[in-house]
Structures are given as C-alpha cells and as structure tokens.
N, C-alpha and C. Protein backbone atom coordinates (compact mmCIF):
# COMPACT_ATOMS: atom_id res chain seq x y z
N UNK A 1 21.66 -4.14 17.62
CA UNK A 1 20.39 -2.69 17.94
C UNK A 1 20.10 -2.86 16.56
N UNK A 2 18.28 -3.33 17.13
CA UNK A 2 18.40 -3.28 15.62
C UNK A 2 17.63 -1.96 14.45
N UNK A 3 17.18 -2.69 13.16
CA UNK A 3 17.26 -1.10 12.56
C UNK A 3 16.08 -0.80 12.67
N UNK A 4 15.94 0.55 12.50
CA UNK A 4 14.87 1.46 12.22
C UNK A 4 14.03 2.57 10.86
N UNK A 5 13.15 2.47 10.87
CA UNK A 5 12.49 2.75 9.87
C UNK A 5 12.15 1.29 8.75
N UNK A 6 11.55 2.21 7.48
CA UNK A 6 11.27 1.14 7.26
C UNK A 6 12.65 0.11 6.32
N UNK A 7 11.96 -0.77 5.55
CA UNK A 7 13.67 -1.56 4.95
C UNK A 7 13.81 -0.31 3.71
N UNK A 8 14.60 -0.72 3.74
CA UNK A 8 14.80 0.32 1.65
C UNK A 8 14.90 -0.70 0.95
N UNK A 9 14.10 0.28 -0.21
CA UNK A 9 13.87 -0.21 -1.35
C UNK A 9 15.16 -0.71 -2.20
N UNK A 10 14.92 -1.67 -3.68
CA UNK A 10 16.27 -2.14 -3.84
C UNK A 10 15.53 -2.29 -5.56
N UNK A 11 15.50 -1.96 -6.01
CA UNK A 11 15.71 -2.09 -7.93
C UNK A 11 15.88 -3.63 -8.15
N UNK A 12 15.38 -3.99 -9.62
CA UNK A 12 15.41 -4.81 -10.15
C UNK A 12 17.11 -5.87 -10.00
N UNK A 13 18.46 -4.62 -9.73
CA UNK A 13 19.28 -5.13 -9.16
C UNK A 13 19.25 -6.54 -7.88
N UNK A 14 18.23 -5.63 -7.33
CA UNK A 14 19.67 -6.13 -5.81
C UNK A 14 19.77 -5.03 -5.26
N UNK A 15 19.93 -3.41 -6.05
CA UNK A 15 21.08 -2.37 -5.42
C UNK A 15 19.15 -1.60 -4.73
N UNK A 16 20.06 -1.42 -3.65
CA UNK A 16 19.31 -0.17 -3.04
C UNK A 16 18.72 0.93 -3.67
N UNK A 17 18.09 1.51 -3.41
CA UNK A 17 17.71 3.12 -4.36
C UNK A 17 17.96 4.24 -3.16
N UNK A 18 18.23 4.87 -3.83
CA UNK A 18 18.69 5.98 -2.56
C UNK A 18 17.48 7.30 -3.35
N UNK A 19 17.16 8.33 -1.89
CA UNK A 19 16.25 8.99 -2.34
C UNK A 19 16.50 10.18 -2.01
N UNK A 20 15.42 10.97 -2.32
CA UNK A 20 15.68 12.18 -2.34
C UNK A 20 14.27 13.11 -2.16
N UNK A 21 14.84 14.25 -1.06
CA UNK A 21 13.37 14.88 -0.41
C UNK A 21 12.96 15.77 -1.74
N UNK A 22 11.26 16.49 -2.21
CA UNK A 22 11.61 17.21 -2.81
C UNK A 22 9.86 17.67 -2.69
N UNK A 23 10.31 19.43 -2.10
CA UNK A 23 8.80 19.88 -1.76
C UNK A 23 8.46 20.27 -2.99
N UNK A 24 7.21 20.31 -3.40
CA UNK A 24 6.39 20.18 -4.34
C UNK A 24 4.90 20.98 -3.95
N UNK A 25 4.95 22.71 -4.74
CA UNK A 25 3.45 23.07 -3.68
C UNK A 25 2.23 22.92 -4.84
N UNK A 26 1.31 22.12 -4.21
CA UNK A 26 0.24 22.30 -5.39
C UNK A 26 -1.34 22.88 -4.21
N UNK A 27 -2.08 23.23 -5.33
CA UNK A 27 -3.27 24.32 -4.57
C UNK A 27 -4.21 23.27 -3.49
N UNK A 28 -4.00 23.96 -2.65
CA UNK A 28 -4.63 23.43 -1.61
C UNK A 28 -5.72 22.27 -1.75
N UNK A 29 -7.00 22.61 -3.00
CA UNK A 29 -7.96 21.61 -3.10
C UNK A 29 -7.09 20.40 -3.22
N UNK A 30 -5.97 20.88 -3.96
CA UNK A 30 -5.63 18.96 -4.82
C UNK A 30 -4.59 19.19 -3.36
N UNK A 31 -4.26 19.22 -2.25
CA UNK A 31 -3.79 18.32 -1.74
C UNK A 31 -4.82 17.92 -0.54
N UNK A 32 -5.89 18.51 -0.35
CA UNK A 32 -7.66 17.86 -0.29
C UNK A 32 -8.05 16.65 0.01
N UNK A 33 -7.81 16.63 -1.79
CA UNK A 33 -8.36 16.04 -2.20
C UNK A 33 -7.91 14.28 -2.26
N UNK A 34 -6.55 14.25 -2.21
CA UNK A 34 -5.44 13.33 -2.03
C UNK A 34 -5.48 12.66 -0.73
N UNK A 35 -5.35 13.60 0.40
CA UNK A 35 -6.05 13.35 1.51
C UNK A 35 -6.95 12.76 2.15
N UNK A 36 -8.27 13.65 1.08
CA UNK A 36 -9.69 12.49 1.37
C UNK A 36 -9.74 11.17 0.66
N UNK A 37 -9.27 10.98 -0.30
CA UNK A 37 -9.29 9.95 -1.02
C UNK A 37 -8.18 9.10 -0.65
N UNK A 38 -6.71 9.62 0.40
CA UNK A 38 -5.76 8.66 0.67
C UNK A 38 -4.82 8.22 -0.13
N UNK A 39 -4.45 8.59 -1.08
CA UNK A 39 -3.27 8.48 -1.73
C UNK A 39 -2.05 9.63 -1.43
N UNK A 40 -1.34 7.87 -1.90
CA UNK A 40 0.15 7.80 -1.36
C UNK A 40 0.63 9.47 -2.46
N UNK A 41 1.01 10.46 -1.35
CA UNK A 41 1.92 11.40 -2.46
C UNK A 41 2.79 11.23 -3.39
N UNK A 42 3.25 10.73 -2.04
CA UNK A 42 4.80 10.45 -2.66
C UNK A 42 4.79 9.54 -3.71
N UNK A 43 3.99 8.83 -3.51
CA UNK A 43 3.98 6.94 -4.80
C UNK A 43 3.34 7.69 -5.91
N UNK A 44 1.96 8.43 -6.09
CA UNK A 44 1.27 8.95 -7.36
C UNK A 44 3.47 9.97 -7.68
N UNK A 45 3.37 10.87 -7.13
CA UNK A 45 4.36 11.79 -8.09
C UNK A 45 5.98 10.77 -8.87
N UNK A 46 5.93 9.54 -7.93
CA UNK A 46 7.02 8.78 -8.96
C UNK A 46 6.87 8.20 -9.69
N UNK A 47 5.13 7.37 -9.32
CA UNK A 47 4.58 6.78 -10.59
C UNK A 47 4.58 7.81 -11.88
N UNK A 48 4.03 9.60 -11.22
CA UNK A 48 3.91 9.86 -12.42
C UNK A 48 5.37 10.49 -13.53
N UNK A 49 6.24 10.43 -12.51
CA UNK A 49 7.50 10.59 -13.12
C UNK A 49 8.20 9.82 -13.73
N UNK A 50 8.22 8.16 -13.49
CA UNK A 50 8.34 7.81 -14.35
C UNK A 50 7.72 7.24 -15.38
N UNK A 51 6.11 7.74 -15.37
CA UNK A 51 5.72 7.55 -16.77
C UNK A 51 6.76 8.54 -17.91
N UNK A 52 6.33 9.70 -17.29
CA UNK A 52 7.20 10.69 -18.21
C UNK A 52 8.50 10.12 -18.89
N UNK A 53 10.18 9.68 -17.88
CA UNK A 53 10.86 9.33 -17.64
C UNK A 53 10.68 7.93 -18.73
N UNK A 54 9.91 7.35 -18.85
CA UNK A 54 9.69 6.33 -19.88
C UNK A 54 8.67 6.68 -21.04
N UNK A 55 8.95 7.74 -21.06
CA UNK A 55 8.20 8.60 -22.32
C UNK A 55 6.92 7.53 -22.99
N UNK A 56 6.03 6.82 -21.06
CA UNK A 56 4.72 6.75 -21.63
C UNK A 56 3.44 8.13 -21.66
N UNK A 57 3.70 8.59 -21.05
CA UNK A 57 3.20 9.94 -21.37
C UNK A 57 3.54 11.63 -21.77
N UNK A 58 3.13 12.05 -22.50
CA UNK A 58 3.27 12.98 -22.80
C UNK A 58 4.33 14.38 -22.09
N UNK A 59 5.15 15.29 -22.24
CA UNK A 59 6.06 15.86 -21.60
C UNK A 59 5.48 16.97 -22.16
N UNK A 60 4.02 17.27 -21.92
CA UNK A 60 3.94 18.69 -22.14
C UNK A 60 2.48 19.26 -22.20
N UNK A 61 1.38 18.15 -22.22
CA UNK A 61 0.31 18.15 -21.38
C UNK A 61 0.05 16.89 -20.78
N UNK A 62 0.63 15.65 -20.59
CA UNK A 62 0.84 15.03 -19.62
C UNK A 62 -0.13 13.67 -20.48
N UNK A 63 -0.75 13.65 -21.83
CA UNK A 63 -1.77 12.65 -22.05
C UNK A 63 -0.77 11.39 -22.17
N UNK A 64 -2.09 10.24 -22.39
CA UNK A 64 -1.83 9.25 -22.52
C UNK A 64 -2.05 8.89 -24.00
N UNK A 65 -2.78 9.31 -24.64
CA UNK A 65 -2.86 9.53 -26.14
C UNK A 65 -2.18 9.78 -27.24
N UNK A 66 -0.99 9.08 -27.08
CA UNK A 66 0.50 8.64 -28.35
C UNK A 66 0.41 7.94 -29.27
N UNK A 67 1.14 7.89 -30.45
CA UNK A 67 1.16 7.31 -31.32
C UNK A 67 2.58 7.44 -31.32
N UNK A 68 2.72 5.90 -31.58
CA UNK A 68 4.88 5.59 -31.31
C UNK A 68 4.77 4.56 -33.42
N UNK A 69 5.66 5.51 -33.67
CA UNK A 69 6.27 5.43 -35.14
C UNK A 69 7.37 4.99 -35.50
N UNK A 70 8.46 4.75 -36.95
CA UNK A 70 9.19 4.84 -37.17
C UNK A 70 10.42 6.35 -36.34
N UNK A 71 9.57 7.43 -36.28
CA UNK A 71 9.58 9.09 -36.31
C UNK A 71 10.35 8.34 -34.66
N UNK A 72 9.61 8.41 -33.96
CA UNK A 72 9.06 8.37 -33.09
C UNK A 72 7.72 8.77 -32.18
N UNK A 73 7.71 9.17 -30.87
CA UNK A 73 6.30 9.52 -30.32
C UNK A 73 5.44 11.06 -30.76
N UNK A 74 4.30 10.45 -30.49
CA UNK A 74 4.04 11.45 -30.97
C UNK A 74 2.77 11.96 -29.75
N UNK A 75 2.03 13.40 -29.45
CA UNK A 75 1.35 13.12 -28.79
C UNK A 75 -0.10 13.91 -29.74
N UNK A 76 -1.41 12.85 -29.63
CA UNK A 76 -1.99 13.40 -30.70
C UNK A 76 -2.68 14.63 -29.63
N UNK A 77 -3.33 15.19 -28.59
CA UNK A 77 -4.17 15.98 -28.24
C UNK A 77 -2.61 16.91 -28.09
N UNK A 78 -1.68 17.29 -28.11
CA UNK A 78 -1.07 17.95 -28.39
C UNK A 78 -0.47 18.73 -30.50
N UNK A 79 -0.76 17.54 -30.86
CA UNK A 79 -0.84 17.23 -32.43
C UNK A 79 -1.86 17.97 -33.03
N UNK A 80 -3.05 18.23 -32.20
CA UNK A 80 -4.41 18.87 -32.76
C UNK A 80 -4.15 19.51 -34.38
N UNK A 81 -3.02 20.99 -34.35
CA UNK A 81 -3.02 21.75 -35.66
C UNK A 81 -1.64 21.19 -36.11
N UNK A 82 -0.51 21.12 -35.14
CA UNK A 82 0.32 20.92 -36.05
C UNK A 82 1.09 19.34 -35.13
N UNK A 83 2.15 17.94 -36.03
CA UNK A 83 2.48 17.58 -35.31
C UNK A 83 3.42 17.88 -33.98
N UNK A 84 3.37 17.11 -32.61
CA UNK A 84 4.24 17.30 -31.57
C UNK A 84 5.10 15.62 -31.50
N UNK A 85 5.93 15.83 -31.80
CA UNK A 85 6.58 14.85 -31.69
C UNK A 85 7.28 15.31 -30.10
N UNK A 86 7.92 14.01 -29.66
CA UNK A 86 8.10 14.72 -27.97
C UNK A 86 8.79 13.68 -27.71
N UNK A 87 9.52 13.00 -28.75
CA UNK A 87 10.67 11.67 -28.32
C UNK A 87 10.67 11.28 -29.92
N UNK A 88 12.05 11.73 -30.27
CA UNK A 88 12.20 11.08 -31.60
C UNK A 88 13.31 10.90 -31.72
N UNK A 89 13.10 9.20 -32.44
CA UNK A 89 14.59 7.92 -32.89
C UNK A 89 15.34 8.50 -33.28
N UNK A 90 16.45 7.55 -33.42
CA UNK A 90 17.25 7.74 -34.20
C UNK A 90 17.13 7.02 -35.36
N UNK A 91 18.43 6.55 -36.57
CA UNK A 91 17.88 5.83 -37.94
C UNK A 91 18.93 4.84 -37.01
N UNK A 92 18.96 3.75 -37.47
CA UNK A 92 18.58 2.11 -36.77
C UNK A 92 20.28 2.80 -38.01
N UNK A 93 20.27 2.72 -38.92
CA UNK A 93 21.62 3.14 -40.12
C UNK A 93 23.44 3.62 -39.32
N UNK A 94 22.46 5.16 -39.87
CA UNK A 94 23.70 6.45 -38.92
C UNK A 94 23.53 6.62 -37.65
N UNK A 95 22.61 6.28 -37.16
CA UNK A 95 22.39 7.09 -35.58
C UNK A 95 21.99 8.63 -35.33
N UNK A 96 21.82 9.35 -36.37
CA UNK A 96 21.32 10.33 -36.38
C UNK A 96 20.11 11.00 -35.98
N UNK A 97 19.46 10.86 -35.57
CA UNK A 97 18.43 11.77 -34.55
C UNK A 97 17.51 12.11 -35.80
N UNK A 98 15.81 11.09 -36.23
CA UNK A 98 15.22 11.72 -36.93
C UNK A 98 15.09 13.28 -36.42
N UNK A 99 14.49 14.11 -38.01
CA UNK A 99 13.41 15.28 -37.55
C UNK A 99 12.41 15.44 -38.93
N UNK A 100 11.67 15.76 -38.41
CA UNK A 100 10.22 16.04 -39.22
C UNK A 100 10.46 17.17 -40.06
N UNK A 101 10.12 16.31 -41.17
CA UNK A 101 10.43 17.37 -42.31
C UNK A 101 11.47 17.64 -42.90
N UNK A 102 12.83 17.47 -42.23
CA UNK A 102 13.53 17.94 -42.59
C UNK A 102 15.30 16.01 -42.57
N UNK A 103 14.99 15.32 -41.81
CA UNK A 103 15.61 13.59 -41.93
C UNK A 103 14.48 13.37 -41.60
N UNK A 104 13.75 12.25 -42.71
CA UNK A 104 12.84 11.35 -41.97
C UNK A 104 12.84 9.99 -43.03
N UNK A 105 12.24 8.90 -41.85
CA UNK A 105 13.03 7.54 -42.79
C UNK A 105 12.40 7.42 -43.75
N UNK A 106 13.17 6.42 -44.85
CA UNK A 106 12.65 6.39 -46.19
C UNK A 106 13.12 4.36 -45.76
N UNK A 107 12.83 3.66 -47.23
CA UNK A 107 13.33 2.18 -47.05
C UNK A 107 14.73 2.16 -47.57
N UNK A 108 15.06 1.33 -47.47
CA UNK A 108 16.41 1.33 -47.75
C UNK A 108 16.33 1.00 -49.52
N UNK A 109 16.72 1.38 -50.69
CA UNK A 109 16.45 0.23 -52.00
C UNK A 109 17.19 -1.43 -52.10
N UNK A 110 16.37 -1.84 -52.25
CA UNK A 110 17.54 -3.32 -52.14
C UNK A 110 17.49 -4.41 -50.72
N UNK A 111 16.39 -3.22 -50.20
CA UNK A 111 15.88 -4.33 -48.42
C UNK A 111 15.18 -3.84 -47.49
N UNK A 112 14.78 -4.60 -46.88
CA UNK A 112 13.99 -4.77 -45.93
C UNK A 112 13.67 -3.54 -44.54
N UNK A 113 15.00 -2.99 -44.19
CA UNK A 113 15.70 -1.77 -43.43
C UNK A 113 14.77 -0.17 -43.89
N UNK A 114 14.94 -0.02 -43.25
CA UNK A 114 15.00 2.04 -43.18
C UNK A 114 16.27 2.25 -42.78
N UNK A 115 16.44 3.59 -43.54
CA UNK A 115 17.49 4.96 -42.77
C UNK A 115 16.98 5.83 -43.22
N UNK A 116 17.75 6.88 -42.52
CA UNK A 116 17.12 8.14 -42.59
C UNK A 116 17.70 8.85 -44.11
N UNK A 117 17.28 10.54 -44.75
CA UNK A 117 17.22 10.77 -45.80
C UNK A 117 19.05 10.92 -45.93
N UNK A 118 19.40 11.20 -45.12
CA UNK A 118 21.00 12.01 -44.87
C UNK A 118 22.12 10.87 -45.12
N UNK A 119 21.52 9.39 -44.38
CA UNK A 119 22.61 8.23 -44.93
C UNK A 119 22.52 7.38 -46.15
N UNK A 120 21.35 7.98 -47.33
CA UNK A 120 21.37 7.53 -48.15
C UNK A 120 21.80 8.11 -49.21
N UNK A 121 21.91 9.54 -48.86
CA UNK A 121 22.70 10.15 -50.23
C UNK A 121 23.68 9.97 -50.83
C-alpha cells in the first residue's frame, strides 16, 4: 500500500516534526488579502512564531527594530519613552539574570570579562 498525503517534515536531526492544528481568528479583510496574494497561512504563522521563539522580533509590537547588548535585547519602538527589554540575558559568571537599574553588567577588575553587580560584591 502506498503512503497517502504529503511526506512528513523532518528537523535538522532527521526527526519527524509533529504538528498541531491551531485555529486563528483574523479580520476578513486580512484573510482575503492572504488569499489574493496566495500566501500560505500555515507557513506564514510558522515563520512568524519561529521568529518570536528565536527572539528575532519583539514580543510586544512584533518589530524587527531591535538592539542586542550585554544585558539583553531591547525593542527600539517600544523603548521610545522607557527601555523595553523583551529578553534579558544571564550573567556569564554567576548565571543570575540581569535586571536593568538593579543588577547590571560591569567589568570585572583585572579582567576582560563582565559580571553582574551581585557576583562582584
């Protein structure tokens, strides 16, 4: 008997990717736009959620106008009035998460490394 349907997608390790059905409600005008432009909704949604997962776009406004620093990733449009850090990194010395204005990175005396204020006390 011959397999029916599309072949299963596999990840970079050759493992089968399991999938889940997800219903998303959008305005009719947007659905019509996607149909007219022949945009695959599943592919579009998967790509955008993958970008969110990989921290390539802001989780608040979905902008790609982001800056990465030692502290983490900051969205420029969301930071117009106050810095909006949508991803905070951990200290490379003690693994505590950085917190702007509380626990920020600083140079370790006599070293080229950076650590947080708490692990240097």
